[in-house]
Protein backbone atom coordinates (compact mmCIF):
# COMPACT_ATOMS: atom_id res chain seq x y z
CA MET A 1 31.47 -51.87 -22.81
CA CYS A 2 30.30 -54.75 -20.69
CA LEU A 3 32.81 -57.05 -22.42
CA ALA A 4 35.67 -54.65 -21.89
CA ALA A 5 34.73 -54.07 -18.26
CA GLY A 6 34.24 -57.70 -17.51
CA VAL A 7 30.61 -57.41 -16.27
CA SER A 8 27.46 -59.15 -17.53
CA ARG A 9 24.91 -57.35 -19.56
CA ALA A 10 22.13 -58.39 -17.15
CA GLY A 11 24.07 -56.96 -14.22
CA TYR A 12 24.61 -53.66 -16.02
CA TYR A 13 20.94 -53.19 -16.90
CA ARG A 14 19.88 -54.21 -13.38
CA GLN A 15 22.12 -51.50 -11.87
CA TRP A 16 20.91 -48.97 -14.45
CA GLU A 17 17.22 -49.63 -13.58
CA GLU A 18 17.96 -49.17 -9.89
CA SER A 19 19.83 -45.84 -10.33
CA GLU A 20 17.50 -44.24 -12.91
CA PRO A 21 14.67 -43.51 -10.46
CA GLU A 22 17.11 -41.86 -8.10
CA GLU A 23 18.51 -39.66 -10.87
CA ALA A 24 14.94 -38.77 -11.98
CA GLU A 25 13.97 -37.85 -8.45
CA MET A 26 17.12 -35.72 -8.06
CA GLY A 27 16.07 -33.89 -11.20
CA VAL A 28 12.56 -33.30 -9.81
CA ARG A 29 14.02 -32.10 -6.50
CA ALA A 30 16.35 -29.66 -8.32
CA GLU A 31 13.57 -28.10 -10.40
CA MET A 32 11.23 -28.03 -7.45
CA GLN A 33 13.72 -26.23 -5.24
CA LYS A 34 14.34 -23.60 -8.04
CA ILE A 35 10.55 -23.02 -8.20
CA VAL A 36 10.29 -22.66 -4.39
CA VAL A 37 13.25 -20.28 -4.20
CA THR A 38 12.05 -18.18 -7.14
CA HIS A 39 8.59 -17.70 -5.53
CA ARG A 40 10.11 -17.15 -2.09
CA ARG A 41 8.33 -20.13 -0.56
CA ARG A 42 4.95 -18.72 -1.50
CA TYR A 43 3.95 -21.75 -3.55
CA GLY A 44 2.26 -24.82 -2.11
CA TYR A 45 2.67 -28.24 -3.64
CA ARG A 46 -0.23 -27.82 -6.03
CA ARG A 47 1.24 -24.74 -7.73
CA VAL A 48 4.76 -26.31 -7.75
CA THR A 49 3.20 -29.31 -9.53
CA ALA A 50 1.49 -27.07 -12.02
CA GLU A 51 4.80 -25.18 -12.67
CA LEU A 52 6.60 -28.51 -13.23
CA HIS A 53 3.91 -29.50 -15.71
CA ARG A 54 4.44 -26.20 -17.54
CA GLN A 55 8.10 -27.14 -17.81
CA GLY A 56 7.24 -30.44 -19.43
CA MET A 57 7.88 -32.70 -16.44
CA LYS A 58 5.40 -35.48 -15.75
CA VAL A 59 5.11 -35.77 -12.01
CA ASN A 60 2.22 -36.43 -9.64
CA HIS A 61 1.15 -33.93 -6.97
CA LYS A 62 1.41 -36.54 -4.23
CA ARG A 63 5.03 -37.09 -5.16
CA VAL A 64 5.70 -33.42 -5.13
CA LEU A 65 4.06 -33.09 -1.67
CA ARG A 66 6.24 -35.93 -0.35
CA LEU A 67 9.44 -34.38 -1.70
CA MET A 68 8.60 -30.92 -0.44
CA ARG A 69 7.73 -32.24 3.00
CA SER A 70 10.97 -34.21 3.20
CA ASP A 71 13.02 -31.18 2.04
CA ASN A 72 11.10 -28.81 4.34
CA LEU A 73 9.90 -26.65 1.47
CA LEU A 74 6.21 -26.40 2.29
CA ALA A 75 4.83 -22.88 2.35
CA VAL A 76 4.54 -21.27 5.72
CA ARG A 77 0.96 -20.28 6.67
CA ARG A 78 -0.22 -17.81 9.30
CA ARG A 79 -3.70 -16.47 9.86
CA LYS A 80 -4.84 -13.17 11.42
CA TYR A 81 -8.23 -11.68 11.28
CA ILE A 82 -8.80 -8.01 12.00
CA LEU A 83 -12.14 -6.24 11.42
CA THR A 84 -11.92 -3.34 9.02
CA THR A 85 -15.61 -3.11 7.99
CA ASP A 86 -18.00 -0.77 9.80
CA SER A 87 -21.46 -1.36 8.40
CA ARG A 88 -23.25 0.57 11.23
CA HIS A 89 -24.13 3.73 9.24
CA ASP A 90 -27.15 5.49 7.85
CA TYR A 91 -26.02 5.51 4.16
CA GLN A 92 -28.01 3.77 1.49
CA VAL A 93 -27.03 0.08 0.96
CA ALA A 94 -27.02 -1.28 -2.53
CA MET A 95 -28.63 -4.58 -3.58
CA ASN A 96 -26.41 -7.64 -3.93
CA LEU A 97 -26.09 -8.09 -7.73
CA ALA A 98 -22.86 -10.03 -7.78
CA GLY A 99 -24.49 -13.18 -6.45
CA ARG A 100 -26.91 -13.22 -9.37
CA MET A 101 -24.44 -12.49 -12.15
CA THR A 102 -22.88 -14.92 -14.58
CA VAL A 103 -19.66 -13.18 -15.60
CA THR A 104 -18.32 -14.03 -19.05
CA GLY A 105 -15.52 -11.45 -19.55
CA ILE A 106 -13.47 -8.67 -18.06
CA ASN A 107 -14.87 -5.28 -17.02
CA GLN A 108 -18.20 -6.76 -16.04
CA LEU A 109 -17.80 -7.23 -12.38
CA TRP A 110 -15.23 -5.42 -10.16
CA ILE A 111 -14.79 -6.43 -6.52
CA ALA A 112 -13.23 -4.29 -3.77
CA ASP A 113 -12.07 -4.65 -0.14
CA ILE A 114 -9.89 -3.14 2.51
CA THR A 115 -7.29 -4.87 4.76
CA TYR A 116 -5.18 -3.91 7.74
CA ILE A 117 -1.37 -3.96 7.90
CA ARG A 118 0.56 -3.32 11.11
CA LEU A 119 4.08 -1.84 11.01
CA ARG A 120 6.44 -1.30 13.95
CA ARG A 121 5.44 2.38 14.43
CA GLU A 122 2.16 2.83 12.61
CA CYS A 123 -0.86 1.02 11.23
CA LEU A 124 -1.76 1.27 7.52
CA TYR A 125 -4.70 0.18 5.39
CA LEU A 126 -4.69 -1.29 1.90
CA ALA A 127 -7.64 -0.94 -0.57
CA VAL A 128 -7.75 -3.00 -3.73
CA VAL A 129 -10.02 -3.34 -6.74
CA ILE A 130 -9.98 -6.67 -8.66
CA ASP A 131 -11.56 -7.77 -11.92
CA ARG A 132 -13.66 -10.72 -10.85
CA PHE A 133 -13.34 -12.62 -14.14
CA SER A 134 -9.55 -12.57 -14.48
CA ARG A 135 -8.67 -12.10 -10.79
CA LYS A 136 -6.28 -9.31 -11.81
CA VAL A 137 -5.58 -6.44 -9.39
CA ILE A 138 -6.42 -3.32 -11.34
CA GLY A 139 -6.31 -0.70 -8.63
CA TRP A 140 -4.81 -0.30 -5.14
CA ALA A 141 -4.06 2.39 -2.60
CA LEU A 142 -2.21 2.53 0.76
CA ASP A 143 -2.97 5.07 3.48
CA GLY A 144 -2.97 5.48 7.26
CA THR A 145 -6.69 6.19 7.47
CA LEU A 146 -9.94 4.41 6.75
CA ALA A 147 -11.56 7.44 5.34
CA ALA A 148 -13.32 7.26 1.96
CA ARG A 149 -10.34 8.76 0.21
CA LEU A 150 -8.52 5.44 0.50
CA PRO A 151 -10.87 3.25 -1.56
CA VAL A 152 -11.63 6.20 -3.84
CA ALA A 153 -7.89 6.38 -4.76
CA ALA A 154 -7.90 2.61 -5.57
CA LEU A 155 -11.04 2.98 -7.68
CA GLU A 156 -9.73 5.91 -9.62
CA GLN A 157 -6.52 4.07 -10.36
CA ALA A 158 -8.59 1.07 -11.67
CA ILE A 159 -10.70 3.36 -13.86
CA ALA A 160 -7.66 5.14 -15.31
CA GLN A 161 -6.00 1.79 -16.13
CA ARG A 162 -8.97 -0.08 -17.64
CA GLN A 163 -11.16 2.74 -19.06
CA PRO A 164 -14.28 0.64 -18.52
CA PRO A 165 -17.46 0.99 -20.51
CA PRO A 166 -20.64 2.02 -18.65
CA GLY A 167 -22.48 -0.70 -16.88
CA VAL A 168 -19.69 -2.30 -14.80
CA VAL A 169 -21.04 -3.70 -11.51
CA HIS A 170 -18.92 -2.77 -8.54
CA HIS A 171 -19.25 -5.15 -5.55
CA SER A 172 -18.06 -4.57 -2.03
CA ASP A 173 -19.12 -5.03 1.59
CA GLN A 174 -21.42 -2.61 3.37
CA GLY A 175 -18.52 -0.63 4.87
CA VAL A 176 -19.11 3.07 5.43
CA GLN A 177 -16.34 3.93 2.97
CA TYR A 178 -18.07 2.20 0.07
CA ALA A 179 -21.49 3.50 1.02
CA SER A 180 -20.34 7.10 1.41
CA GLU A 181 -21.51 9.82 -0.90
CA GLU A 182 -18.00 10.47 -2.12
CA TYR A 183 -17.51 6.93 -3.26
CA ARG A 184 -20.92 6.56 -4.88
CA ALA A 185 -20.35 9.83 -6.74
CA VAL A 186 -17.29 8.36 -8.44
CA LEU A 187 -19.28 5.23 -9.40
CA ALA A 188 -22.12 7.30 -10.84
CA ALA A 189 -19.75 9.55 -12.79
CA HIS A 190 -18.44 6.53 -14.65
CA GLY A 191 -21.74 4.74 -15.13
CA MET A 192 -20.94 1.94 -12.70
CA THR A 193 -23.60 0.14 -10.73
CA PRO A 194 -22.93 -0.47 -6.94
CA SER A 195 -23.53 -3.93 -5.39
CA MET A 196 -22.96 -4.89 -1.75
CA SER A 197 -22.70 -8.11 0.28
CA GLN A 198 -25.03 -9.08 3.07
CA PRO A 199 -23.91 -8.01 6.59
CA ALA A 200 -21.36 -10.38 8.23
CA ASN A 201 -21.30 -12.64 5.21
CA PRO A 202 -17.76 -12.77 3.67
CA TYR A 203 -18.83 -15.47 1.15
CA ASP A 204 -20.60 -12.93 -0.95
CA ASN A 205 -17.15 -11.39 -1.71
CA ALA A 206 -15.15 -14.61 -1.44
CA ALA A 207 -12.85 -13.94 -4.35
CA CYS A 208 -11.62 -10.71 -2.79
CA GLU A 209 -11.41 -12.32 0.65
CA SER A 210 -9.27 -15.07 -0.87
CA PHE A 211 -6.92 -12.54 -2.46
CA MET A 212 -6.47 -10.77 0.84
CA LYS A 213 -5.51 -14.06 2.50
CA THR A 214 -2.98 -14.72 -0.28
CA LEU A 215 -1.51 -11.26 0.13
CA LYS A 216 -1.13 -11.67 3.88
CA GLN A 217 0.32 -15.19 3.83
CA GLU A 218 2.62 -14.82 0.83
CA GLU A 219 3.82 -11.21 1.37
CA ILE A 220 2.82 -9.41 4.53
CA TYR A 221 3.57 -12.12 7.10
CA CYS A 222 6.80 -13.05 5.42
CA ARG A 223 8.51 -9.70 6.02
CA GLN A 224 9.38 -7.14 8.65
CA TYR A 225 8.83 -3.72 7.07
CA GLN A 226 10.80 -0.75 8.40
CA ASP A 227 8.47 2.03 7.29
CA ARG A 228 5.70 3.04 4.92
CA GLN A 229 7.99 3.52 1.96
CA GLU A 230 9.40 0.00 2.20
CA LEU A 231 5.88 -1.51 2.50
CA ALA A 232 4.58 0.48 -0.43
CA GLY A 233 7.46 -0.73 -2.62
CA CYS A 234 7.05 -4.38 -1.64
CA VAL A 235 3.27 -4.26 -2.07
CA GLU A 236 3.64 -2.66 -5.50
CA ASP A 237 6.11 -5.32 -6.60
CA PHE A 238 3.90 -8.12 -5.24
CA LEU A 239 0.73 -6.89 -6.94
CA GLU A 240 2.03 -5.54 -10.23
CA ASN A 241 4.85 -7.91 -10.95
CA TYR A 242 4.32 -11.14 -8.99
CA TYR A 243 0.61 -11.65 -8.48
CA ASN A 244 -0.61 -10.33 -11.87
CA ARG A 245 2.20 -11.65 -14.05
CA GLN A 246 4.01 -14.55 -12.36
CA ARG A 247 1.84 -16.32 -9.79
CA LEU A 248 -0.27 -19.21 -11.19
CA HIS A 249 -3.90 -18.97 -10.23
CA SER A 250 -5.84 -22.20 -9.53
CA ALA A 251 -9.14 -20.62 -10.53
CA LEU A 252 -7.63 -19.74 -13.97
CA ASP A 253 -6.48 -23.24 -14.73
CA TYR A 254 -3.03 -22.35 -13.33
CA ASN A 255 -2.46 -19.39 -15.55
CA THR A 256 -1.47 -15.90 -14.35
CA PRO A 257 -4.15 -13.15 -14.58
CA GLU A 258 -2.12 -11.39 -17.22
CA GLU A 259 -1.77 -14.56 -19.32
CA PHE A 260 -5.51 -15.26 -18.87
CA GLU A 261 -6.54 -11.81 -20.16
CA GLN A 262 -4.10 -12.00 -23.11
CA THR A 263 -5.40 -15.48 -24.07
CA LEU A 264 -9.01 -14.18 -23.84
CA ALA A 265 -8.22 -11.12 -26.01
CA ALA A 266 -6.39 -13.18 -28.62
CA ALA A 267 -9.24 -15.71 -28.86
CA ALA A 268 -11.77 -12.91 -29.21
CA ALA A 269 -9.72 -11.16 -31.94
CA GLU A 270 -9.26 -14.43 -33.86
CA THR A 271 -12.91 -15.55 -33.80
CA GLY A 272 -14.49 -12.05 -33.78
CA ASP A 273 -16.90 -13.31 -31.10
CA MET A 274 -18.14 -10.38 -29.01
CA SER A 275 -20.69 -12.44 -27.08
CA LYS A 276 -18.42 -12.37 -24.01
CA THR A 277 -18.59 -8.62 -23.54
CA THR A 278 -21.86 -8.68 -21.46
CA ALA A 279 -22.82 -10.60 -18.36
CA THR A 280 -26.16 -12.18 -17.60
CA LEU A 281 -28.19 -11.57 -14.47
CA LYS A 282 -30.40 -14.17 -12.82
CA TYR A 283 -33.75 -13.25 -11.31
CA PHE A 284 -35.39 -15.45 -8.68
CA LYS A 285 -39.13 -16.06 -8.97
CA ARG A 286 -41.30 -16.92 -6.00
CA PRO A 287 -42.68 -20.45 -6.47
CA LYS A 288 -46.39 -20.69 -7.17
CA GLU A 289 -48.58 -21.89 -4.37
CA LYS A 290 -50.59 -25.02 -4.98
CA GLN A 291 -54.30 -24.48 -5.15
CA LYS A 292 -56.53 -26.63 -3.05
CA PRO A 293 -59.13 -28.74 -4.89
CA GLY A 294 -62.49 -26.93 -5.32
CA ARG A 295 -61.00 -23.54 -4.50
CA ARG A 296 -60.94 -20.60 -6.87
CA PRO A 297 -57.63 -18.92 -7.69
CA GLU A 298 -56.79 -15.92 -5.53
CA THR A 299 -57.08 -13.54 -8.49
CA GLU A 300 -60.72 -14.42 -8.85
CA GLN A 301 -61.63 -14.07 -5.15
CA THR A 302 -63.24 -10.93 -3.88
């Protein structure tokens, strides 16, 4: 071909080496834009990189960030914080067990929370229940009130879907809805153990707080809902179809919650290992005080 075209072989290969990186970068840009459009600009550069790796493309996250920034494809972020927890009540508060647990499988620790959604003509509240191990949303409810019936509906949906064995630990904040007699009665009827965070400490329920932030930034703040019916349909599609089955989760090694649970079930069925069906609980012991020389132990003193 070089002889017929009257060009040198060295010149051909020099031009080919210069154009190949541009063609490769155009291929990365094309796939990257498809991912961003498919996920409606919800993905940041880390998840876009993970999705490219799943497609067999070898690309560095710094390169993806540079290309997304140059193409104006970075995810849009907004933050709003509205208090929905009222812990000033006289109900019994449960001990914080979640912070002491080492979770090894599903249906060991469930976490729950409530968030606030403002529409044009009304204000609604969303309650969710999440499996802490797989990060999967297993129950949710939408209502215009913060009464106990809202989280109870989400909990009952989670119980109907999972059919959990007795002993599941249910963790939440100290909100009056979760401490109410109505909610605790549902927990007791299904053999679930309540657990609550410390007051004004969102880190005890960080996984659920992180999910709420994802929901707000990737769905709620990206739309203008006309009414409750439209909001309910969009939230259902986001939770059931997108978050549980399509969105890659960084805490699950960039797998979806559904994929993570299926892989876990397949591995358990193949090995017959049932050791991951129970969680472990850590107990903290008070350190022993050092005895002064020549002094009898306290147990021997009168």
